[in-house]
Amino acid sequence: MEVFLNNIFIEHAIIGIDLRTECNLGDEVVGFKSNDKVFDLHSVISEGIEVQPVLDSDEEYLHFLRHDAAHVLAQALTVLFPKIQFGKQFFEGKFIFAFDVYLPEYNFSSEDFPKIENEMRNVIAQEDDIIKHIVEKSKALERFADDKFKQDIINHSSCDSVVLYEHGDYIDICHGPRGLNNKYVKYFKLLNVQEVSWLYDEKIKLQRILGACFADETSMKQFLLEKEKN
């Protein structure tokens, strides 16, 4: 492996975490990027390209955190509302993450946010490692045989395989990028609930629970202060 300046030339396909080890890079390296493509430490980086490390101080890292926060939210909701089902994740701007949820017998509101946020902290405190799986489409359909929303997502995908990320007792479809452990999700705030139509059937109404995730407490306080002003 040739390392020059801040660039790494990939001579053979390698998983991100192995590349970090092989190049003696520190824990501040959370992934790699090549042009506009970002690889998390779970992903295989193809040979013949040049990559740069993504650091936990880089702006790209926010997208890792937002993906992790969205799935922490989903896992917390399964604890509090065992009958809940999930549509798709949603991201907006720099900080916003969301999950579309289906629980027709319950209307979520901001009054639910304190208990949901508290359960999210309980999930994070478990410090579950995040594990990536790539499975054949047919296997994914079997895995989510009783979940209409996952079935819709899988059937509408043009890919032959499905990417799943697992942590604790929660697993879901996600293309990443993701971190290595939920413990890095430290600064977040739930913001709003919106009614949305299911992507593949507008007659089905879901609730979109939106939140914001941050790399540090200062950014979170500044965001919330500006939000109050507006």
C-alpha atoms as a PDB file:
ATOM      1  CA  MET A   1       0.000   0.000   0.000  1.00  0.00           C
ATOM      2  CA  GLU A   2       1.510   3.292  -1.137  1.00  0.00           C
ATOM      3  CA  VAL A   3       0.832   6.268   1.136  1.00  0.00           C
ATOM      4  CA  PHE A   4       1.730   9.737  -0.057  1.00  0.00           C
ATOM      5  CA  LEU A   5       0.735  13.043   1.484  1.00  0.00           C
ATOM      6  CA  ASN A   6      -2.890  12.568   2.575  1.00  0.00           C
ATOM      7  CA  ASN A   7      -3.698  10.199  -0.306  1.00  0.00           C
ATOM      8  CA  ILE A   8      -3.753   6.408  -0.322  1.00  0.00           C
ATOM      9  CA  PHE A   9      -3.586   4.431  -3.553  1.00  0.00           C
ATOM     10  CA  ILE A  10      -5.578   1.201  -3.299  1.00  0.00           C
ATOM     11  CA  GLU A  11      -3.539  -1.599  -4.834  1.00  0.00           C
ATOM     12  CA  HIS A  12      -5.981  -4.354  -3.881  1.00  0.00           C
ATOM     13  CA  ALA A  13      -9.598  -4.348  -2.708  1.00  0.00           C
ATOM     14  CA  ILE A  14      -9.718  -3.852   1.030  1.00  0.00           C
ATOM     15  CA  ILE A  15     -12.234  -3.201   3.797  1.00  0.00           C
ATOM     16  CA  GLY A  16     -12.006   0.292   5.277  1.00  0.00           C
ATOM     17  CA  ILE A  17     -11.183  -0.842   8.818  1.00  0.00           C
ATOM     18  CA  ASP A  18      -8.362  -3.021   7.474  1.00  0.00           C
ATOM     19  CA  LEU A  19      -7.011  -0.134   5.426  1.00  0.00           C
ATOM     20  CA  ARG A  20      -6.948   2.039   8.522  1.00  0.00           C
ATOM     21  CA  THR A  21      -4.957  -0.627  10.366  1.00  0.00           C
ATOM     22  CA  GLU A  22      -2.611  -1.324   7.456  1.00  0.00           C
ATOM     23  CA  CYS A  23      -1.764   2.360   7.136  1.00  0.00           C
ATOM     24  CA  ASN A  24      -1.334   2.806  10.905  1.00  0.00           C
ATOM     25  CA  LEU A  25      -4.032   5.469  11.025  1.00  0.00           C
ATOM     26  CA  GLY A  26      -5.673   6.505  14.286  1.00  0.00           C
ATOM     27  CA  ASP A  27      -9.246   6.226  15.543  1.00  0.00           C
ATOM     28  CA  GLU A  28      -9.919   9.756  14.288  1.00  0.00           C
ATOM     29  CA  VAL A  29     -10.146   8.216  10.805  1.00  0.00           C
ATOM     30  CA  VAL A  30     -13.802   7.196  10.400  1.00  0.00           C
ATOM     31  CA  GLY A  31     -13.796   6.388   6.696  1.00  0.00           C
ATOM     32  CA  PHE A  32     -12.339   7.255   3.329  1.00  0.00           C
ATOM     33  CA  LYS A  33     -13.418   9.279   0.313  1.00  0.00           C
ATOM     34  CA  SER A  34     -12.639   9.308  -3.386  1.00  0.00           C
ATOM     35  CA  ASN A  35     -14.007  12.332  -5.227  1.00  0.00           C
ATOM     36  CA  ASP A  36     -17.703  12.416  -4.180  1.00  0.00           C
ATOM     37  CA  LYS A  37     -17.862   8.811  -2.980  1.00  0.00           C
ATOM     38  CA  VAL A  38     -17.524   8.086   0.725  1.00  0.00           C
ATOM     39  CA  PHE A  39     -16.611   4.677   2.167  1.00  0.00           C
ATOM     40  CA  ASP A  40     -17.270   3.868   5.796  1.00  0.00           C
ATOM     41  CA  LEU A  41     -14.970   1.486   7.663  1.00  0.00           C
ATOM     42  CA  HIS A  42     -17.370  -1.405   6.976  1.00  0.00           C
ATOM     43  CA  SER A  43     -17.149  -1.071   3.200  1.00  0.00           C
ATOM     44  CA  VAL A  44     -14.896  -2.661   0.608  1.00  0.00           C
ATOM     45  CA  ILE A  45     -12.803  -0.120  -1.304  1.00  0.00           C
ATOM     46  CA  SER A  46     -12.072  -1.223  -4.860  1.00  0.00           C
ATOM     47  CA  GLU A  47      -8.559  -1.458  -6.213  1.00  0.00           C
ATOM     48  CA  GLY A  48      -7.120   1.135  -8.558  1.00  0.00           C
ATOM     49  CA  ILE A  49      -8.490   4.278  -6.932  1.00  0.00           C
ATOM     50  CA  GLU A  50      -6.983   6.901  -4.689  1.00  0.00           C
ATOM     51  CA  VAL A  51      -8.677   7.787  -1.405  1.00  0.00           C
ATOM     52  CA  GLN A  52      -8.281  10.293   1.385  1.00  0.00           C
ATOM     53  CA  PRO A  53      -9.109   9.629   5.041  1.00  0.00           C
ATOM     54  CA  VAL A  54     -12.314  11.082   6.460  1.00  0.00           C
ATOM     55  CA  LEU A  55     -11.693  12.357   9.986  1.00  0.00           C
ATOM     56  CA  ASP A  56     -14.140  12.758  12.847  1.00  0.00           C
ATOM     57  CA  SER A  57     -13.443  16.495  12.572  1.00  0.00           C
ATOM     58  CA  ASP A  58     -14.502  16.642   8.894  1.00  0.00           C
ATOM     59  CA  GLU A  59     -17.934  17.814   7.799  1.00  0.00           C
ATOM     60  CA  GLU A  60     -18.537  14.493   6.006  1.00  0.00           C
ATOM     61  CA  TYR A  61     -18.604  12.793   9.394  1.00  0.00           C
ATOM     62  CA  LEU A  62     -21.951  14.425  10.137  1.00  0.00           C
ATOM     63  CA  HIS A  63     -23.563  12.135   7.573  1.00  0.00           C
ATOM     64  CA  PHE A  64     -22.171   9.102   9.414  1.00  0.00           C
ATOM     65  CA  LEU A  65     -23.608  10.430  12.668  1.00  0.00           C
ATOM     66  CA  ARG A  66     -26.988  11.230  11.124  1.00  0.00           C
ATOM     67  CA  HIS A  67     -27.344   7.704   9.757  1.00  0.00           C
ATOM     68  CA  ASP A  68     -26.423   6.271  13.142  1.00  0.00           C
ATOM     69  CA  ALA A  69     -28.796   8.643  14.940  1.00  0.00           C
ATOM     70  CA  ALA A  70     -31.684   7.691  12.635  1.00  0.00           C
ATOM     71  CA  HIS A  71     -31.219   4.016  13.469  1.00  0.00           C
ATOM     72  CA  VAL A  72     -30.796   4.738  17.165  1.00  0.00           C
ATOM     73  CA  LEU A  73     -34.150   6.541  16.927  1.00  0.00           C
ATOM     74  CA  ALA A  74     -35.709   3.532  15.215  1.00  0.00           C
ATOM     75  CA  GLN A  75     -34.348   1.101  17.794  1.00  0.00           C
ATOM     76  CA  ALA A  76     -35.626   3.280  20.633  1.00  0.00           C
ATOM     77  CA  LEU A  77     -39.066   3.422  19.025  1.00  0.00           C
ATOM     78  CA  THR A  78     -39.217  -0.384  18.792  1.00  0.00           C
ATOM     79  CA  VAL A  79     -38.652  -0.526  22.554  1.00  0.00           C
ATOM     80  CA  LEU A  80     -41.351   2.023  23.347  1.00  0.00           C
ATOM     81  CA  PHE A  81     -43.823   1.014  20.626  1.00  0.00           C
ATOM     82  CA  PRO A  82     -43.305  -2.700  19.815  1.00  0.00           C
ATOM     83  CA  LYS A  83     -45.926  -2.694  17.008  1.00  0.00           C
ATOM     84  CA  ILE A  84     -44.282   0.161  15.088  1.00  0.00           C
ATOM     85  CA  GLN A  85     -43.135  -0.311  11.491  1.00  0.00           C
ATOM     86  CA  PHE A  86     -40.624   1.751   9.542  1.00  0.00           C
ATOM     87  CA  GLY A  87     -40.597   3.248   6.087  1.00  0.00           C
ATOM     88  CA  LYS A  88     -37.506   5.035   4.806  1.00  0.00           C
ATOM     89  CA  GLN A  89     -34.868   7.239   6.342  1.00  0.00           C
ATOM     90  CA  PHE A  90     -34.734  10.884   5.359  1.00  0.00           C
ATOM     91  CA  PHE A  91     -31.929  13.448   5.507  1.00  0.00           C
ATOM     92  CA  GLU A  92     -31.985  17.164   4.835  1.00  0.00           C
ATOM     93  CA  GLY A  93     -29.388  19.914   4.916  1.00  0.00           C
ATOM     94  CA  LYS A  94     -26.441  19.530   7.234  1.00  0.00           C
ATOM     95  CA  PHE A  95     -27.980  18.237  10.462  1.00  0.00           C
ATOM     96  CA  ILE A  96     -31.474  16.841   9.857  1.00  0.00           C
ATOM     97  CA  PHE A  97     -32.317  13.139   9.998  1.00  0.00           C
ATOM     98  CA  ALA A  98     -35.714  11.468  10.074  1.00  0.00           C
ATOM     99  CA  PHE A  99     -37.485   8.142   9.951  1.00  0.00           C
ATOM    100  CA  ASP A 100     -40.925   7.542   8.468  1.00  0.00           C
ATOM    101  CA  VAL A 101     -42.928   5.355  10.836  1.00  0.00           C
ATOM    102  CA  TYR A 102     -46.227   3.516  10.640  1.00  0.00           C
ATOM    103  CA  LEU A 103     -48.345   3.217  13.764  1.00  0.00           C
ATOM    104  CA  PRO A 104     -51.869   4.190  12.726  1.00  0.00           C
ATOM    105  CA  GLU A 105     -53.345   3.846  16.207  1.00  0.00           C
ATOM    106  CA  TYR A 106     -51.006   6.484  17.649  1.00  0.00           C
ATOM    107  CA  ASN A 107     -50.337  10.114  16.741  1.00  0.00           C
ATOM    108  CA  PHE A 108     -46.850  11.218  17.682  1.00  0.00           C
ATOM    109  CA  SER A 109     -46.265  14.735  18.985  1.00  0.00           C
ATOM    110  CA  SER A 110     -43.530  16.784  20.608  1.00  0.00           C
ATOM    111  CA  GLU A 111     -44.848  15.595  23.968  1.00  0.00           C
ATOM    112  CA  ASP A 112     -43.392  12.176  23.129  1.00  0.00           C
ATOM    113  CA  PHE A 113     -39.914  13.558  22.457  1.00  0.00           C
ATOM    114  CA  PRO A 114     -38.504  13.498  26.031  1.00  0.00           C
ATOM    115  CA  LYS A 115     -39.260   9.794  26.529  1.00  0.00           C
ATOM    116  CA  ILE A 116     -38.042   8.906  23.023  1.00  0.00           C
ATOM    117  CA  GLU A 117     -34.814  10.878  23.507  1.00  0.00           C
ATOM    118  CA  ASN A 118     -34.298   9.197  26.875  1.00  0.00           C
ATOM    119  CA  GLU A 119     -34.709   5.764  25.280  1.00  0.00           C
ATOM    120  CA  MET A 120     -32.285   6.801  22.531  1.00  0.00           C
ATOM    121  CA  ARG A 121     -29.738   7.554  25.266  1.00  0.00           C
ATOM    122  CA  ASN A 122     -30.393   4.098  26.731  1.00  0.00           C
ATOM    123  CA  VAL A 123     -29.682   2.553  23.316  1.00  0.00           C
ATOM    124  CA  ILE A 124     -26.474   4.566  22.954  1.00  0.00           C
ATOM    125  CA  ALA A 125     -25.360   3.583  26.468  1.00  0.00           C
ATOM    126  CA  GLN A 126     -25.352  -0.077  25.397  1.00  0.00           C
ATOM    127  CA  GLU A 127     -22.442   0.806  23.071  1.00  0.00           C
ATOM    128  CA  ASP A 128     -23.482  -1.782  20.508  1.00  0.00           C
ATOM    129  CA  ASP A 129     -21.107  -2.344  17.629  1.00  0.00           C
ATOM    130  CA  ILE A 130     -22.583  -1.661  14.205  1.00  0.00           C
ATOM    131  CA  ILE A 131     -22.307  -4.608  11.822  1.00  0.00           C
ATOM    132  CA  LYS A 132     -22.774  -4.499   8.056  1.00  0.00           C
ATOM    133  CA  HIS A 133     -24.381  -7.327   6.064  1.00  0.00           C
ATOM    134  CA  ILE A 134     -24.778  -7.652   2.306  1.00  0.00           C
ATOM    135  CA  VAL A 135     -27.419 -10.228   1.407  1.00  0.00           C
ATOM    136  CA  GLU A 136     -29.053 -11.426  -1.776  1.00  0.00           C
ATOM    137  CA  LYS A 137     -32.342  -9.779  -2.622  1.00  0.00           C
ATOM    138  CA  SER A 138     -34.234 -13.058  -2.186  1.00  0.00           C
ATOM    139  CA  LYS A 139     -32.733 -13.551   1.277  1.00  0.00           C
ATOM    140  CA  ALA A 140     -33.659 -10.009   2.277  1.00  0.00           C
ATOM    141  CA  LEU A 141     -37.248 -10.589   1.143  1.00  0.00           C
ATOM    142  CA  GLU A 142     -37.334 -13.726   3.294  1.00  0.00           C
ATOM    143  CA  ARG A 143     -35.813 -11.842   6.240  1.00  0.00           C
ATOM    144  CA  PHE A 144     -38.531  -9.158   6.060  1.00  0.00           C
ATOM    145  CA  ALA A 145     -41.357 -11.416   4.866  1.00  0.00           C
ATOM    146  CA  ASP A 146     -43.877  -9.847   7.257  1.00  0.00           C
ATOM    147  CA  ASP A 147     -42.880  -6.223   6.634  1.00  0.00           C
ATOM    148  CA  LYS A 148     -44.714  -4.531   3.755  1.00  0.00           C
ATOM    149  CA  PHE A 149     -42.479  -1.459   3.822  1.00  0.00           C
ATOM    150  CA  LYS A 150     -39.208  -3.393   3.662  1.00  0.00           C
ATOM    151  CA  GLN A 151     -40.702  -5.572   0.925  1.00  0.00           C
ATOM    152  CA  ASP A 152     -41.564  -2.457  -1.087  1.00  0.00           C
ATOM    153  CA  ILE A 153     -38.082  -0.987  -0.642  1.00  0.00           C
ATOM    154  CA  ILE A 154     -36.382  -4.230  -1.679  1.00  0.00           C
ATOM    155  CA  ASN A 155     -38.664  -4.871  -4.653  1.00  0.00           C
ATOM    156  CA  HIS A 156     -38.156  -1.350  -5.995  1.00  0.00           C
ATOM    157  CA  SER A 157     -34.377  -1.579  -5.724  1.00  0.00           C
ATOM    158  CA  SER A 158     -32.432  -2.065  -8.947  1.00  0.00           C
ATOM    159  CA  CYS A 159     -29.593  -3.785  -7.063  1.00  0.00           C
ATOM    160  CA  ASP A 160     -29.125  -7.555  -6.840  1.00  0.00           C
ATOM    161  CA  SER A 161     -28.186  -7.351  -3.173  1.00  0.00           C
ATOM    162  CA  VAL A 162     -29.412  -5.477  -0.109  1.00  0.00           C
ATOM    163  CA  VAL A 163     -27.246  -3.695   2.444  1.00  0.00           C
ATOM    164  CA  LEU A 164     -28.283  -4.158   6.078  1.00  0.00           C
ATOM    165  CA  TYR A 165     -26.755  -2.659   9.198  1.00  0.00           C
ATOM    166  CA  GLU A 166     -27.281  -4.327  12.562  1.00  0.00           C
ATOM    167  CA  HIS A 167     -26.721  -3.164  16.127  1.00  0.00           C
ATOM    168  CA  GLY A 168     -28.033  -4.789  19.258  1.00  0.00           C
ATOM    169  CA  ASP A 169     -31.343  -6.455  18.398  1.00  0.00           C
ATOM    170  CA  TYR A 170     -32.137  -4.006  15.609  1.00  0.00           C
ATOM    171  CA  ILE A 171     -31.427  -4.492  11.899  1.00  0.00           C
ATOM    172  CA  ASP A 172     -32.584  -2.443   8.932  1.00  0.00           C
ATOM    173  CA  ILE A 173     -31.888  -1.559   5.326  1.00  0.00           C
ATOM    174  CA  CYS A 174     -29.331   1.224   5.034  1.00  0.00           C
ATOM    175  CA  HIS A 175     -26.753   2.232   2.445  1.00  0.00           C
ATOM    176  CA  GLY A 176     -24.624   4.101   4.985  1.00  0.00           C
ATOM    177  CA  PRO A 177     -22.148   5.477   5.654  1.00  0.00           C
ATOM    178  CA  ARG A 178     -22.202   4.279   9.256  1.00  0.00           C
ATOM    179  CA  GLY A 179     -19.885   4.448  12.225  1.00  0.00           C
ATOM    180  CA  LEU A 180     -18.470   1.500  14.134  1.00  0.00           C
ATOM    181  CA  ASN A 181     -20.475   1.910  17.340  1.00  0.00           C
ATOM    182  CA  ASN A 182     -23.560   3.777  18.551  1.00  0.00           C
ATOM    183  CA  LYS A 183     -21.587   5.376  21.383  1.00  0.00           C
ATOM    184  CA  TYR A 184     -20.441   8.168  19.069  1.00  0.00           C
ATOM    185  CA  VAL A 185     -23.989   9.537  18.766  1.00  0.00           C
ATOM    186  CA  LYS A 186     -23.853  12.069  21.576  1.00  0.00           C
ATOM    187  CA  TYR A 187     -25.565  15.284  20.518  1.00  0.00           C
ATOM    188  CA  PHE A 188     -29.065  15.147  19.053  1.00  0.00           C
ATOM    189  CA  LYS A 189     -32.512  16.659  19.423  1.00  0.00           C
ATOM    190  CA  LEU A 190     -35.919  15.609  18.108  1.00  0.00           C
ATOM    191  CA  LEU A 191     -37.651  18.484  16.365  1.00  0.00           C
ATOM    192  CA  ASN A 192     -40.934  17.768  14.658  1.00  0.00           C
ATOM    193  CA  VAL A 193     -43.484  15.276  13.341  1.00  0.00           C
ATOM    194  CA  GLN A 194     -44.963  15.470   9.843  1.00  0.00           C
ATOM    195  CA  GLU A 195     -47.560  13.399   8.024  1.00  0.00           C
ATOM    196  CA  VAL A 196     -46.226  11.928   4.785  1.00  0.00           C
ATOM    197  CA  SER A 197     -47.448   9.471   2.170  1.00  0.00           C
ATOM    198  CA  TRP A 198     -45.681   6.176   1.693  1.00  0.00           C
ATOM    199  CA  LEU A 199     -43.239   6.447  -1.183  1.00  0.00           C
ATOM    200  CA  TYR A 200     -44.774   3.523  -3.084  1.00  0.00           C
ATOM    201  CA  ASP A 201     -48.447   3.954  -2.144  1.00  0.00           C
ATOM    202  CA  GLU A 202     -49.712   7.480  -1.498  1.00  0.00           C
ATOM    203  CA  LYS A 203     -52.886   6.147   0.122  1.00  0.00           C
ATOM    204  CA  ILE A 204     -50.821   4.899   3.072  1.00  0.00           C
ATOM    205  CA  LYS A 205     -49.998   7.680   5.518  1.00  0.00           C
ATOM    206  CA  LEU A 206     -46.933   7.578   7.739  1.00  0.00           C
ATOM    207  CA  GLN A 207     -45.510   9.911  10.357  1.00  0.00           C
ATOM    208  CA  ARG A 208     -42.079  11.391   9.786  1.00  0.00           C
ATOM    209  CA  ILE A 209     -40.200  11.972  13.051  1.00  0.00           C
ATOM    210  CA  LEU A 210     -37.468  14.528  12.457  1.00  0.00           C
ATOM    211  CA  GLY A 211     -34.395  15.236  14.519  1.00  0.00           C
ATOM    212  CA  ALA A 212     -31.013  16.895  14.251  1.00  0.00           C
ATOM    213  CA  CYS A 213     -27.624  15.407  15.057  1.00  0.00           C
ATOM    214  CA  PHE A 214     -24.376  17.243  15.741  1.00  0.00           C
ATOM    215  CA  ALA A 215     -20.687  16.574  16.144  1.00  0.00           C
ATOM    216  CA  ASP A 216     -20.398  18.670  19.309  1.00  0.00           C
ATOM    217  CA  GLU A 217     -22.480  20.435  21.937  1.00  0.00           C
ATOM    218  CA  THR A 218     -21.586  23.932  20.696  1.00  0.00           C
ATOM    219  CA  SER A 219     -23.025  23.210  17.241  1.00  0.00           C
ATOM    220  CA  MET A 220     -26.190  21.814  18.799  1.00  0.00           C
ATOM    221  CA  LYS A 221     -26.730  24.847  21.041  1.00  0.00           C
ATOM    222  CA  GLN A 222     -26.128  27.234  18.144  1.00  0.00           C
ATOM    223  CA  PHE A 223     -28.578  25.342  15.909  1.00  0.00           C
ATOM    224  CA  LEU A 224     -31.300  25.304  18.566  1.00  0.00           C
ATOM    225  CA  LEU A 225     -30.759  28.993  19.352  1.00  0.00           C
ATOM    226  CA  GLU A 226     -31.136  29.933  15.685  1.00  0.00           C
ATOM    227  CA  LYS A 227     -34.198  27.724  15.423  1.00  0.00           C
ATOM    228  CA  GLU A 228     -35.822  29.562  18.341  1.00  0.00           C
ATOM    229  CA  LYS A 229     -35.143  32.908  16.680  1.00  0.00           C
ATOM    230  CA  ASN A 230     -36.867  31.774  13.510  1.00  0.00           C
END
